[in-house]
Each structure stands twice: as structure tokens, then as C-alpha cells.
N, C-alpha and C. Protein backbone atom coordinates (compact mmCIF):
# COMPACT_ATOMS: atom_id res chain seq x y z
N MET A 1 44.88 1.45 -58.08
CA MET A 1 43.68 2.27 -58.17
C MET A 1 42.45 1.37 -58.32
N ARG A 2 41.40 1.71 -57.61
CA ARG A 2 40.18 0.92 -57.65
C ARG A 2 39.18 1.54 -58.62
N VAL A 3 38.14 0.77 -58.93
CA VAL A 3 37.10 1.26 -59.83
C VAL A 3 36.50 2.56 -59.30
N SER A 4 36.23 2.62 -58.00
CA SER A 4 35.64 3.83 -57.41
C SER A 4 36.55 5.04 -57.56
N ASP A 5 37.87 4.82 -57.52
CA ASP A 5 38.81 5.93 -57.69
C ASP A 5 38.72 6.50 -59.11
N ILE A 6 38.62 5.60 -60.09
CA ILE A 6 38.50 6.06 -61.48
C ILE A 6 37.18 6.78 -61.69
N VAL A 7 36.10 6.24 -61.16
CA VAL A 7 34.80 6.89 -61.30
C VAL A 7 34.82 8.27 -60.64
N ARG A 8 35.48 8.37 -59.51
CA ARG A 8 35.57 9.66 -58.81
C ARG A 8 36.35 10.68 -59.65
N LYS A 9 37.47 10.25 -60.23
CA LYS A 9 38.25 11.15 -61.08
C LYS A 9 37.45 11.58 -62.31
N VAL A 10 36.73 10.63 -62.89
CA VAL A 10 35.92 10.94 -64.07
C VAL A 10 34.84 11.95 -63.71
N ARG A 11 34.18 11.72 -62.62
CA ARG A 11 33.10 12.63 -62.21
C ARG A 11 33.64 14.04 -61.92
N TYR A 12 34.84 14.12 -61.38
CA TYR A 12 35.44 15.43 -61.13
C TYR A 12 35.62 16.19 -62.44
N GLU A 13 36.14 15.48 -63.47
CA GLU A 13 36.36 16.13 -64.76
C GLU A 13 35.05 16.45 -65.48
N LEU A 14 34.03 15.66 -65.22
CA LEU A 14 32.72 15.92 -65.84
C LEU A 14 31.90 16.94 -65.05
N ALA A 15 32.46 17.41 -63.93
CA ALA A 15 31.76 18.36 -63.05
C ALA A 15 30.42 17.80 -62.59
N GLU A 16 30.44 16.49 -62.27
CA GLU A 16 29.23 15.82 -61.80
C GLU A 16 29.62 14.90 -60.65
N PRO A 17 29.77 15.43 -59.44
CA PRO A 17 30.23 14.62 -58.31
C PRO A 17 29.27 13.49 -57.93
N THR A 18 27.98 13.66 -58.18
CA THR A 18 27.00 12.60 -57.93
C THR A 18 26.27 12.29 -59.22
N ALA A 19 25.77 11.05 -59.33
CA ALA A 19 25.16 10.59 -60.58
C ALA A 19 23.94 11.40 -60.95
N SER A 20 23.95 11.91 -62.16
CA SER A 20 22.80 12.62 -62.71
C SER A 20 22.68 12.28 -64.19
N GLU A 21 23.51 12.93 -65.02
CA GLU A 21 23.52 12.63 -66.45
C GLU A 21 24.15 11.26 -66.71
N TRP A 22 25.22 10.95 -65.96
CA TRP A 22 25.93 9.70 -66.17
C TRP A 22 25.82 8.83 -64.91
N LYS A 23 25.16 7.72 -65.01
CA LYS A 23 25.05 6.79 -63.89
C LYS A 23 26.36 6.01 -63.73
N ASP A 24 26.57 5.51 -62.53
CA ASP A 24 27.79 4.73 -62.27
C ASP A 24 27.91 3.54 -63.21
N ASP A 25 26.79 2.85 -63.46
CA ASP A 25 26.83 1.67 -64.33
C ASP A 25 27.33 2.02 -65.72
N GLU A 26 26.95 3.19 -66.22
CA GLU A 26 27.40 3.61 -67.55
C GLU A 26 28.91 3.86 -67.55
N LEU A 27 29.39 4.57 -66.55
CA LEU A 27 30.82 4.87 -66.49
C LEU A 27 31.65 3.60 -66.31
N VAL A 28 31.16 2.66 -65.49
CA VAL A 28 31.88 1.40 -65.29
C VAL A 28 31.87 0.58 -66.58
N SER A 29 30.79 0.68 -67.36
CA SER A 29 30.73 -0.02 -68.64
C SER A 29 31.81 0.53 -69.59
N TYR A 30 31.97 1.85 -69.62
CA TYR A 30 33.03 2.45 -70.44
C TYR A 30 34.40 2.02 -69.93
N LEU A 31 34.55 1.96 -68.62
CA LEU A 31 35.82 1.53 -68.03
C LEU A 31 36.14 0.11 -68.44
N ASN A 32 35.18 -0.79 -68.40
CA ASN A 32 35.42 -2.18 -68.80
C ASN A 32 35.77 -2.28 -70.27
N ASP A 33 35.17 -1.44 -71.09
CA ASP A 33 35.49 -1.41 -72.52
C ASP A 33 36.96 -1.06 -72.72
N GLY A 34 37.41 0.00 -72.06
CA GLY A 34 38.80 0.42 -72.19
C GLY A 34 39.77 -0.56 -71.55
N PHE A 35 39.38 -1.14 -70.42
CA PHE A 35 40.24 -2.10 -69.73
C PHE A 35 40.44 -3.35 -70.57
N ALA A 36 39.38 -3.89 -71.15
CA ALA A 36 39.48 -5.10 -71.98
C ALA A 36 40.39 -4.84 -73.18
N SER A 37 40.27 -3.66 -73.77
CA SER A 37 41.13 -3.32 -74.91
C SER A 37 42.60 -3.26 -74.49
N ALA A 38 42.87 -2.62 -73.34
CA ALA A 38 44.25 -2.53 -72.84
C ALA A 38 44.81 -3.90 -72.50
N TRP A 39 43.97 -4.76 -71.93
CA TRP A 39 44.40 -6.11 -71.56
C TRP A 39 44.82 -6.91 -72.80
N ARG A 40 44.01 -6.81 -73.86
CA ARG A 40 44.31 -7.56 -75.08
C ARG A 40 45.57 -7.01 -75.77
N LEU A 41 45.75 -5.69 -75.70
CA LEU A 41 46.97 -5.11 -76.26
C LEU A 41 48.20 -5.59 -75.48
N ALA A 42 48.06 -5.67 -74.15
CA ALA A 42 49.17 -6.18 -73.33
C ALA A 42 49.50 -7.62 -73.70
N ALA A 43 48.48 -8.42 -74.01
CA ALA A 43 48.72 -9.81 -74.43
C ALA A 43 49.46 -9.85 -75.77
N GLU A 44 49.09 -8.96 -76.69
CA GLU A 44 49.78 -8.91 -77.98
C GLU A 44 51.24 -8.52 -77.82
N LEU A 45 51.51 -7.68 -76.83
CA LEU A 45 52.88 -7.22 -76.59
C LEU A 45 53.68 -8.18 -75.71
N HIS A 46 53.06 -9.31 -75.32
CA HIS A 46 53.70 -10.30 -74.44
C HIS A 46 54.13 -9.66 -73.12
N HIS A 47 53.29 -8.77 -72.62
CA HIS A 47 53.62 -8.10 -71.36
C HIS A 47 53.40 -9.05 -70.20
N PRO A 48 54.37 -9.19 -69.30
CA PRO A 48 54.21 -10.12 -68.17
C PRO A 48 53.07 -9.76 -67.22
N LEU A 49 52.60 -8.53 -67.30
CA LEU A 49 51.50 -8.08 -66.44
C LEU A 49 50.27 -8.98 -66.57
N VAL A 50 49.99 -9.47 -67.78
CA VAL A 50 48.76 -10.23 -68.01
C VAL A 50 48.99 -11.73 -68.08
N GLU A 51 50.24 -12.16 -67.96
CA GLU A 51 50.54 -13.59 -68.04
C GLU A 51 50.51 -14.23 -66.66
N GLN A 52 50.06 -15.47 -66.60
CA GLN A 52 50.03 -16.19 -65.34
C GLN A 52 50.43 -17.64 -65.57
N THR A 53 50.92 -18.28 -64.51
CA THR A 53 51.35 -19.67 -64.56
C THR A 53 50.53 -20.50 -63.58
N ASP A 54 49.96 -21.59 -64.05
CA ASP A 54 49.16 -22.48 -63.21
C ASP A 54 49.63 -23.92 -63.39
N ASP A 55 49.53 -24.68 -62.32
CA ASP A 55 49.75 -26.12 -62.40
C ASP A 55 48.41 -26.83 -62.54
N VAL A 56 48.33 -27.74 -63.50
CA VAL A 56 47.11 -28.54 -63.67
C VAL A 56 47.51 -30.01 -63.62
N THR A 57 46.62 -30.84 -63.14
CA THR A 57 46.92 -32.26 -62.95
C THR A 57 46.09 -33.12 -63.89
N ILE A 58 46.77 -33.91 -64.68
CA ILE A 58 46.12 -34.93 -65.52
C ILE A 58 46.02 -36.20 -64.70
N LEU A 59 44.81 -36.69 -64.49
CA LEU A 59 44.63 -37.91 -63.70
C LEU A 59 45.13 -39.14 -64.46
N ALA A 60 45.44 -40.17 -63.72
CA ALA A 60 45.89 -41.42 -64.33
C ALA A 60 44.86 -41.93 -65.32
N GLU A 61 45.34 -42.38 -66.46
CA GLU A 61 44.50 -42.95 -67.54
C GLU A 61 43.57 -41.91 -68.17
N GLU A 62 43.82 -40.62 -67.95
CA GLU A 62 43.03 -39.55 -68.57
C GLU A 62 43.92 -38.78 -69.54
N ASN A 63 43.29 -38.04 -70.46
CA ASN A 63 44.08 -37.24 -71.39
C ASN A 63 43.54 -35.82 -71.56
N SER A 64 42.76 -35.35 -70.60
CA SER A 64 42.27 -33.97 -70.67
C SER A 64 42.01 -33.45 -69.26
N VAL A 65 42.01 -32.13 -69.15
CA VAL A 65 41.75 -31.48 -67.87
C VAL A 65 41.19 -30.08 -68.15
N GLN A 66 40.33 -29.61 -67.28
CA GLN A 66 39.78 -28.27 -67.44
C GLN A 66 40.75 -27.24 -66.88
N LEU A 67 41.02 -26.19 -67.66
CA LEU A 67 41.91 -25.13 -67.21
C LEU A 67 41.23 -24.29 -66.13
N PRO A 68 42.00 -23.62 -65.28
CA PRO A 68 41.41 -22.81 -64.21
C PRO A 68 40.46 -21.72 -64.71
N SER A 69 40.71 -21.19 -65.91
CA SER A 69 39.84 -20.18 -66.50
C SER A 69 40.01 -20.22 -68.01
N PRO A 70 39.00 -19.82 -68.77
CA PRO A 70 39.13 -19.82 -70.23
C PRO A 70 40.28 -18.90 -70.66
N PRO A 71 41.22 -19.40 -71.44
CA PRO A 71 42.36 -18.57 -71.82
C PRO A 71 42.06 -17.65 -73.00
N LEU A 72 42.54 -16.43 -72.91
CA LEU A 72 42.55 -15.55 -74.08
C LEU A 72 43.66 -16.00 -75.02
N LYS A 73 44.76 -16.47 -74.41
CA LYS A 73 45.92 -16.87 -75.19
C LYS A 73 46.73 -17.90 -74.41
N MET A 74 47.06 -19.02 -75.05
CA MET A 74 47.93 -20.02 -74.45
C MET A 74 49.37 -19.71 -74.86
N ILE A 75 50.28 -19.75 -73.89
CA ILE A 75 51.68 -19.44 -74.17
C ILE A 75 52.51 -20.71 -74.24
N SER A 76 52.41 -21.55 -73.21
CA SER A 76 53.22 -22.77 -73.21
C SER A 76 52.65 -23.78 -72.23
N VAL A 77 53.02 -25.03 -72.44
CA VAL A 77 52.73 -26.12 -71.51
C VAL A 77 54.03 -26.88 -71.31
N THR A 78 54.41 -27.08 -70.05
CA THR A 78 55.66 -27.78 -69.77
C THR A 78 55.42 -28.98 -68.88
N LEU A 79 56.26 -29.99 -69.07
CA LEU A 79 56.25 -31.20 -68.25
C LEU A 79 57.67 -31.43 -67.76
N ASP A 80 57.84 -31.39 -66.44
CA ASP A 80 59.19 -31.55 -65.86
C ASP A 80 60.16 -30.56 -66.48
N ALA A 81 59.70 -29.30 -66.61
CA ALA A 81 60.52 -28.18 -67.12
C ALA A 81 60.82 -28.28 -68.62
N ALA A 82 60.26 -29.27 -69.30
CA ALA A 82 60.47 -29.42 -70.74
C ALA A 82 59.24 -28.93 -71.49
N LEU A 83 59.44 -28.06 -72.48
CA LEU A 83 58.32 -27.54 -73.26
C LEU A 83 57.71 -28.65 -74.11
N LEU A 84 56.38 -28.73 -74.09
CA LEU A 84 55.67 -29.68 -74.94
C LEU A 84 55.20 -28.97 -76.20
N PRO A 85 55.29 -29.61 -77.35
CA PRO A 85 54.83 -28.97 -78.59
C PRO A 85 53.31 -28.88 -78.65
N TYR A 86 52.84 -27.82 -79.30
CA TYR A 86 51.41 -27.60 -79.51
C TYR A 86 50.98 -28.26 -80.82
N GLU A 87 49.76 -28.81 -80.82
CA GLU A 87 49.18 -29.39 -82.03
C GLU A 87 47.82 -28.75 -82.25
N HIS A 88 47.54 -28.35 -83.48
CA HIS A 88 46.24 -27.76 -83.79
C HIS A 88 45.14 -28.80 -83.60
N PRO A 89 43.98 -28.38 -83.04
CA PRO A 89 42.91 -29.37 -82.79
C PRO A 89 42.49 -30.15 -84.03
N GLY A 90 42.63 -29.54 -85.21
CA GLY A 90 42.21 -30.22 -86.43
C GLY A 90 43.23 -31.21 -86.96
N ASP A 91 44.43 -31.21 -86.37
CA ASP A 91 45.50 -32.12 -86.84
C ASP A 91 45.77 -33.18 -85.78
N LEU A 92 44.78 -33.96 -85.49
CA LEU A 92 44.91 -34.95 -84.43
C LEU A 92 45.82 -36.10 -84.85
N PRO A 93 46.76 -36.49 -84.03
CA PRO A 93 47.59 -37.66 -84.35
C PRO A 93 46.73 -38.92 -84.44
N THR A 94 47.13 -39.81 -85.30
CA THR A 94 46.34 -41.03 -85.49
C THR A 94 46.75 -42.15 -84.56
N ARG A 95 47.89 -42.00 -83.89
CA ARG A 95 48.33 -43.06 -82.99
C ARG A 95 48.35 -42.56 -81.54
N GLU A 96 48.31 -43.48 -80.63
CA GLU A 96 48.37 -43.14 -79.21
C GLU A 96 49.83 -43.11 -78.75
N TYR A 97 50.06 -42.38 -77.68
CA TYR A 97 51.40 -42.26 -77.12
C TYR A 97 51.40 -42.85 -75.71
N SER A 98 52.51 -43.46 -75.33
CA SER A 98 52.60 -44.05 -74.00
C SER A 98 52.89 -42.99 -72.94
N LYS A 99 53.38 -41.83 -73.37
CA LYS A 99 53.61 -40.72 -72.44
C LYS A 99 53.15 -39.42 -73.11
N ILE A 100 53.00 -38.39 -72.31
CA ILE A 100 52.50 -37.12 -72.85
C ILE A 100 53.53 -36.53 -73.80
N GLU A 101 53.10 -36.30 -75.05
CA GLU A 101 54.02 -35.82 -76.08
C GLU A 101 53.65 -34.43 -76.60
N MET A 102 52.37 -34.07 -76.58
CA MET A 102 51.94 -32.79 -77.15
C MET A 102 50.59 -32.41 -76.55
N TRP A 103 50.11 -31.19 -76.90
CA TRP A 103 48.87 -30.69 -76.29
C TRP A 103 48.11 -29.81 -77.27
N THR A 104 46.84 -29.59 -76.95
CA THR A 104 46.01 -28.63 -77.66
C THR A 104 44.92 -28.15 -76.72
N VAL A 105 44.12 -27.20 -77.14
CA VAL A 105 42.97 -26.72 -76.36
C VAL A 105 41.72 -26.98 -77.17
N GLU A 106 40.76 -27.65 -76.53
CA GLU A 106 39.48 -27.94 -77.17
C GLU A 106 38.39 -27.16 -76.45
N GLY A 107 37.44 -26.64 -77.24
CA GLY A 107 36.38 -25.84 -76.64
C GLY A 107 36.95 -24.56 -76.04
N LEU A 108 36.35 -24.10 -74.95
CA LEU A 108 36.79 -22.86 -74.33
C LEU A 108 37.96 -23.05 -73.37
N ASP A 109 37.96 -24.17 -72.63
CA ASP A 109 38.93 -24.26 -71.54
C ASP A 109 39.38 -25.69 -71.23
N THR A 110 39.37 -26.57 -72.23
CA THR A 110 39.80 -27.95 -72.00
C THR A 110 41.17 -28.18 -72.62
N LEU A 111 42.13 -28.51 -71.76
CA LEU A 111 43.47 -28.85 -72.22
C LEU A 111 43.50 -30.35 -72.50
N ARG A 112 43.81 -30.71 -73.75
CA ARG A 112 43.90 -32.13 -74.11
C ARG A 112 45.34 -32.46 -74.46
N VAL A 113 45.80 -33.61 -74.00
CA VAL A 113 47.16 -34.05 -74.29
C VAL A 113 47.12 -35.36 -75.06
N TRP A 114 48.20 -35.62 -75.81
CA TRP A 114 48.35 -36.91 -76.46
C TRP A 114 49.34 -37.72 -75.66
N GLY A 115 48.81 -38.82 -75.15
CA GLY A 115 49.55 -39.66 -74.23
C GLY A 115 48.68 -39.90 -73.01
N THR A 116 48.59 -41.12 -72.58
CA THR A 116 47.76 -41.46 -71.42
C THR A 116 48.67 -41.85 -70.27
N PRO A 117 48.88 -40.96 -69.31
CA PRO A 117 49.80 -41.27 -68.22
C PRO A 117 49.25 -42.37 -67.31
N ALA A 118 50.14 -43.20 -66.82
CA ALA A 118 49.74 -44.28 -65.92
C ALA A 118 49.48 -43.78 -64.51
N GLU A 119 49.97 -42.59 -64.21
CA GLU A 119 49.74 -42.00 -62.89
C GLU A 119 49.48 -40.50 -63.04
N GLU A 120 49.02 -39.89 -61.96
CA GLU A 120 48.76 -38.45 -62.00
C GLU A 120 50.01 -37.70 -62.47
N THR A 121 49.79 -36.75 -63.38
CA THR A 121 50.90 -35.99 -63.94
C THR A 121 50.58 -34.50 -63.87
N THR A 122 51.52 -33.72 -63.36
CA THR A 122 51.31 -32.29 -63.24
C THR A 122 51.98 -31.57 -64.40
N LEU A 123 51.20 -30.73 -65.07
CA LEU A 123 51.71 -29.90 -66.15
C LEU A 123 51.69 -28.44 -65.69
N THR A 124 52.64 -27.68 -66.15
CA THR A 124 52.69 -26.25 -65.87
C THR A 124 52.23 -25.49 -67.11
N VAL A 125 51.18 -24.70 -66.94
CA VAL A 125 50.56 -23.99 -68.05
C VAL A 125 50.80 -22.50 -67.88
N ARG A 126 51.31 -21.87 -68.92
CA ARG A 126 51.45 -20.41 -68.93
C ARG A 126 50.47 -19.85 -69.94
N LEU A 127 49.66 -18.90 -69.49
CA LEU A 127 48.58 -18.39 -70.34
C LEU A 127 48.23 -16.96 -69.98
N VAL A 128 47.40 -16.37 -70.84
CA VAL A 128 46.75 -15.10 -70.55
C VAL A 128 45.26 -15.38 -70.47
N ARG A 129 44.65 -15.10 -69.33
CA ARG A 129 43.22 -15.36 -69.20
C ARG A 129 42.43 -14.21 -69.84
N GLU A 130 41.16 -14.46 -70.04
CA GLU A 130 40.29 -13.41 -70.53
C GLU A 130 40.25 -12.26 -69.52
N PRO A 131 40.09 -11.01 -69.98
CA PRO A 131 40.05 -9.90 -69.04
C PRO A 131 38.86 -10.00 -68.09
N ASP A 132 39.10 -9.65 -66.83
CA ASP A 132 38.02 -9.67 -65.84
C ASP A 132 36.98 -8.58 -66.15
N ILE A 133 35.78 -8.78 -65.64
CA ILE A 133 34.76 -7.74 -65.66
C ILE A 133 34.88 -6.97 -64.34
N LEU A 134 35.28 -5.72 -64.43
CA LEU A 134 35.45 -4.90 -63.24
C LEU A 134 34.09 -4.47 -62.71
N ARG A 135 33.97 -4.44 -61.39
CA ARG A 135 32.67 -4.17 -60.78
C ARG A 135 32.75 -3.07 -59.72
N LEU A 136 31.67 -2.33 -59.65
CA LEU A 136 31.47 -1.36 -58.58
C LEU A 136 30.01 -1.50 -58.14
N GLU A 137 29.81 -2.19 -57.03
CA GLU A 137 28.45 -2.50 -56.58
C GLU A 137 28.31 -2.10 -55.11
N ALA A 138 27.54 -1.05 -54.88
CA ALA A 138 27.35 -0.55 -53.51
C ALA A 138 26.63 -1.58 -52.64
N SER A 139 25.71 -2.35 -53.24
CA SER A 139 24.90 -3.28 -52.46
C SER A 139 25.74 -4.40 -51.86
N THR A 140 26.81 -4.80 -52.57
CA THR A 140 27.67 -5.88 -52.08
C THR A 140 29.05 -5.36 -51.64
N LEU A 141 29.21 -4.05 -51.64
CA LEU A 141 30.48 -3.43 -51.27
C LEU A 141 31.63 -3.93 -52.15
N THR A 142 31.32 -4.21 -53.42
CA THR A 142 32.32 -4.68 -54.37
C THR A 142 32.97 -3.48 -55.06
N ASP A 143 34.28 -3.40 -54.97
CA ASP A 143 35.03 -2.31 -55.60
C ASP A 143 36.36 -2.89 -56.05
N ASP A 144 36.41 -3.32 -57.31
CA ASP A 144 37.56 -4.07 -57.80
C ASP A 144 38.78 -3.19 -58.01
N GLU A 145 39.94 -3.80 -57.80
CA GLU A 145 41.21 -3.16 -58.17
C GLU A 145 41.38 -3.28 -59.68
N VAL A 146 41.88 -2.23 -60.31
CA VAL A 146 42.12 -2.25 -61.75
C VAL A 146 43.58 -2.63 -61.98
N PRO A 147 43.86 -3.86 -62.47
CA PRO A 147 45.24 -4.36 -62.55
C PRO A 147 45.99 -3.82 -63.77
N MET A 148 46.32 -2.54 -63.71
CA MET A 148 47.09 -1.90 -64.78
C MET A 148 48.08 -0.92 -64.15
N PRO A 149 49.22 -0.65 -64.82
CA PRO A 149 50.16 0.33 -64.29
C PRO A 149 49.57 1.73 -64.31
N SER A 150 50.17 2.63 -63.54
CA SER A 150 49.63 3.98 -63.38
C SER A 150 49.52 4.72 -64.71
N SER A 151 50.46 4.49 -65.62
CA SER A 151 50.42 5.17 -66.91
C SER A 151 49.17 4.81 -67.70
N VAL A 152 48.75 3.54 -67.60
CA VAL A 152 47.54 3.09 -68.30
C VAL A 152 46.29 3.53 -67.55
N LEU A 153 46.35 3.57 -66.23
CA LEU A 153 45.19 4.01 -65.45
C LEU A 153 44.79 5.43 -65.82
N GLU A 154 45.76 6.31 -66.01
CA GLU A 154 45.44 7.68 -66.40
C GLU A 154 44.81 7.72 -67.79
N LEU A 155 45.29 6.87 -68.68
CA LEU A 155 44.67 6.78 -70.01
C LEU A 155 43.24 6.26 -69.91
N LEU A 156 43.00 5.32 -69.00
CA LEU A 156 41.65 4.80 -68.79
C LEU A 156 40.70 5.89 -68.31
N VAL A 157 41.18 6.72 -67.39
CA VAL A 157 40.35 7.82 -66.90
C VAL A 157 39.95 8.72 -68.07
N ASN A 158 40.92 9.09 -68.90
CA ASN A 158 40.63 9.96 -70.05
C ASN A 158 39.71 9.28 -71.05
N PHE A 159 39.89 7.97 -71.22
CA PHE A 159 39.04 7.22 -72.14
C PHE A 159 37.58 7.26 -71.69
N VAL A 160 37.34 7.04 -70.41
CA VAL A 160 35.97 7.06 -69.88
C VAL A 160 35.37 8.46 -70.02
N ILE A 161 36.16 9.47 -69.74
CA ILE A 161 35.67 10.85 -69.88
C ILE A 161 35.24 11.13 -71.31
N MET A 162 36.08 10.78 -72.27
CA MET A 162 35.77 11.06 -73.67
C MET A 162 34.58 10.25 -74.16
N LYS A 163 34.48 8.98 -73.69
CA LYS A 163 33.31 8.18 -74.06
C LYS A 163 32.03 8.82 -73.53
N ALA A 164 32.08 9.28 -72.29
CA ALA A 164 30.89 9.90 -71.69
C ALA A 164 30.52 11.19 -72.42
N GLN A 165 31.50 12.00 -72.72
CA GLN A 165 31.22 13.26 -73.41
C GLN A 165 30.74 13.03 -74.83
N ASN A 166 31.33 12.05 -75.51
CA ASN A 166 30.93 11.78 -76.89
C ASN A 166 29.53 11.20 -76.97
N ARG A 167 29.10 10.52 -75.92
CA ARG A 167 27.73 9.98 -75.90
C ARG A 167 26.71 11.10 -76.04
N LEU A 168 27.01 12.26 -75.48
CA LEU A 168 26.09 13.39 -75.61
C LEU A 168 26.08 13.93 -77.03
N GLY A 169 27.27 13.94 -77.67
CA GLY A 169 27.34 14.46 -79.04
C GLY A 169 26.91 13.46 -80.07
N GLY A 170 27.17 12.17 -79.81
CA GLY A 170 26.74 11.11 -80.72
C GLY A 170 27.39 11.15 -82.08
N ARG A 171 28.73 11.28 -82.13
CA ARG A 171 29.45 11.33 -83.40
C ARG A 171 30.29 10.07 -83.57
N PRO A 172 29.84 9.12 -84.42
CA PRO A 172 30.54 7.84 -84.58
C PRO A 172 31.98 8.00 -85.04
N GLN A 173 32.24 8.99 -85.95
CA GLN A 173 33.60 9.16 -86.44
C GLN A 173 34.56 9.58 -85.33
N MET A 174 34.06 10.35 -84.37
CA MET A 174 34.89 10.73 -83.23
C MET A 174 35.14 9.51 -82.34
N GLU A 175 34.14 8.65 -82.22
CA GLU A 175 34.29 7.42 -81.42
C GLU A 175 35.40 6.55 -82.00
N ALA A 176 35.41 6.39 -83.31
CA ALA A 176 36.44 5.57 -83.96
C ALA A 176 37.82 6.19 -83.76
N SER A 177 37.92 7.50 -83.89
CA SER A 177 39.18 8.19 -83.69
C SER A 177 39.66 8.05 -82.25
N LEU A 178 38.73 8.13 -81.31
CA LEU A 178 39.06 7.98 -79.89
C LEU A 178 39.68 6.61 -79.63
N TYR A 179 39.07 5.55 -80.18
CA TYR A 179 39.58 4.20 -79.96
C TYR A 179 41.00 4.06 -80.52
N GLN A 180 41.22 4.55 -81.72
CA GLN A 180 42.54 4.41 -82.34
C GLN A 180 43.61 5.14 -81.55
N GLN A 181 43.32 6.35 -81.10
CA GLN A 181 44.30 7.10 -80.32
C GLN A 181 44.55 6.44 -78.97
N TYR A 182 43.49 5.95 -78.36
CA TYR A 182 43.63 5.27 -77.07
C TYR A 182 44.52 4.04 -77.20
N LYS A 183 44.32 3.24 -78.25
CA LYS A 183 45.13 2.04 -78.44
C LYS A 183 46.59 2.40 -78.67
N ARG A 184 46.85 3.45 -79.44
CA ARG A 184 48.24 3.87 -79.66
C ARG A 184 48.89 4.29 -78.34
N ASP A 185 48.15 5.05 -77.55
CA ASP A 185 48.70 5.53 -76.27
C ASP A 185 48.96 4.37 -75.32
N VAL A 186 48.04 3.39 -75.28
CA VAL A 186 48.22 2.24 -74.39
C VAL A 186 49.43 1.41 -74.82
N MET A 187 49.60 1.22 -76.12
CA MET A 187 50.74 0.43 -76.60
C MET A 187 52.05 1.11 -76.23
N ARG A 188 52.09 2.44 -76.32
CA ARG A 188 53.31 3.14 -75.91
C ARG A 188 53.54 3.00 -74.41
N ALA A 189 52.46 3.07 -73.63
CA ALA A 189 52.58 2.98 -72.18
C ALA A 189 53.03 1.60 -71.74
N LEU A 190 52.64 0.56 -72.48
CA LEU A 190 52.96 -0.82 -72.10
C LEU A 190 54.23 -1.35 -72.74
N GLU A 191 54.82 -0.57 -73.62
CA GLU A 191 55.99 -1.04 -74.34
C GLU A 191 57.12 -1.38 -73.37
N ILE A 192 57.67 -2.56 -73.55
CA ILE A 192 58.83 -2.99 -72.76
C ILE A 192 60.08 -2.58 -73.53
N ARG A 193 60.80 -1.60 -73.01
CA ARG A 193 61.89 -0.99 -73.77
C ARG A 193 63.20 -1.77 -73.68
N GLU A 194 63.33 -2.65 -72.69
CA GLU A 194 64.54 -3.45 -72.60
C GLU A 194 64.44 -4.60 -73.59
N PRO A 195 65.37 -4.72 -74.56
CA PRO A 195 65.24 -5.79 -75.56
C PRO A 195 65.51 -7.15 -74.94
N PRO A 196 64.82 -8.20 -75.41
CA PRO A 196 65.16 -9.56 -74.96
C PRO A 196 66.57 -9.91 -75.39
N LEU A 197 67.28 -10.67 -74.57
CA LEU A 197 68.68 -10.99 -74.85
C LEU A 197 68.86 -12.48 -75.06
N VAL A 198 69.77 -12.83 -75.94
CA VAL A 198 70.17 -14.22 -76.11
C VAL A 198 71.67 -14.30 -75.93
N THR A 199 72.14 -15.43 -75.46
CA THR A 199 73.58 -15.57 -75.23
C THR A 199 74.19 -16.47 -76.30
N CYS A 200 75.37 -16.07 -76.76
CA CYS A 200 76.15 -16.91 -77.68
C CYS A 200 77.35 -17.42 -76.88
N ASN A 201 78.43 -17.68 -77.54
CA ASN A 201 79.60 -18.15 -76.81
C ASN A 201 80.27 -17.02 -76.03
N GLY A 202 80.04 -15.79 -76.47
CA GLY A 202 80.71 -14.68 -75.81
C GLY A 202 79.76 -13.64 -75.27
N TYR A 203 79.42 -12.64 -76.09
CA TYR A 203 78.66 -11.50 -75.62
C TYR A 203 77.16 -11.79 -75.61
N TRP A 204 76.44 -11.00 -74.79
CA TRP A 204 74.99 -10.99 -74.84
C TRP A 204 74.57 -10.02 -75.94
N ILE A 205 73.64 -10.45 -76.78
CA ILE A 205 73.19 -9.59 -77.87
C ILE A 205 71.67 -9.56 -77.90
N PRO A 206 71.06 -8.43 -78.37
CA PRO A 206 69.60 -8.39 -78.49
C PRO A 206 69.10 -9.45 -79.47
N ALA A 207 67.99 -10.08 -79.11
CA ALA A 207 67.43 -11.12 -79.97
C ALA A 207 66.64 -10.48 -81.10
N PRO A 208 66.82 -10.92 -82.36
CA PRO A 208 65.99 -10.42 -83.46
C PRO A 208 64.52 -10.76 -83.21
N LYS A 209 63.64 -9.89 -83.72
CA LYS A 209 62.21 -10.10 -83.55
C LYS A 209 61.82 -11.44 -84.18
N GLY A 210 61.07 -12.22 -83.42
CA GLY A 210 60.61 -13.49 -83.94
C GLY A 210 61.37 -14.69 -83.40
N TRP A 211 62.49 -14.46 -82.72
CA TRP A 211 63.23 -15.58 -82.14
C TRP A 211 62.45 -16.17 -80.99
């Protein structure tokens, strides 16, 4: 579903097929508000929908590289399929390493490693990027796809409708209640019901939370 599809559905429910009381920019702003919230909830739930994998290259004799986009959440960094340990930026090792041993993120989007490779080294980074800003611009014919499953898209439509209607009433307590209910509904819609599995010597068993 595209941004224009959501705006069209919202306008149908508001009985306003063309912009009058609610301009497109206002409705898209509400949509971005709800989308960003859903995206962050998906990240909290470790939903694969919002996770991506990128290869980044550390140049020879360098120990940092800019990530493709500022991460909302870093998941892992691997070298030759081996997971590298994370180190908090404030706990910098005092000695140098001859090979890449660990990593951290400095600033908004700089991946720093401990170890200075003698040649170019490719690392595989798994992360959740910050949510995109969805756009609907007639002048540039921009109409973004909303990257959410259908169950969440319907919740987004209802969220925009309620935000638009509540703007007329101006009741902050209803706004807070709307957000809480929306977040609960999104979490249920995004819940992955198949438990993660771990293998022992014999049977496959569900992994306890936190493994």
C-alpha cells in the first residue's frame, strides 16, 4: 500500500474526498507519526521486517567506516561469519590489536573497530535503520510505499483518522489513550508466534526468553 492509498482511505472515512479541513500534508504527518512508532515497536520485537544486512569495508590501516545509514539499533557485526563482540564507546581498550577484535558505534553512524587491518577487510553489519520519512508530493510525483504488513496498514489508517478527528476536538487525554491503544494493537499485529528453537543432542525445544 502506498501513501496515496492510505490518504484516500482516510479521506473516505472522513467524508472529505478532496482537501478542505484536512490538507494532505497534515494527514501524511499523522501517517509518519504512526509509522515511526510501529517501526520502533517492530525493532523492539526483533521483527525481521525492519532488520537489514549490509557489507562495509574497512580500508587498510584504518579502524573506522561510515555506516550506510544512521542505525536505530545495531544487532551484530561479523567477520568471516564470526560474531565480533561489542564494546561500549566509554570503555575503550588501552592497547592496540593486530587484527579486528571488537567494535562500537561513535556519533550517529561511524562504526569503529579495535584492530588495524593490513588490507581491506569486509565486515557484515546487521542493523535496524531509522524509520524513513514517508512522502506524498504531487510536484515530484513522489508516492512512497509503506513497508508494513497489511494488518499494520489497517491500524495506520485508523490511527490517522483518529488523529485527524481528535485535532478538531482537542482533547489531550484522548490523544494519550489513542497512542497507547495503537501501540498495543501494533504489537499484537507484529507478534511472531512461532517460538525460536534451539537444538540439544536430541529434540528441538523452544528457547527461553533471553537466550
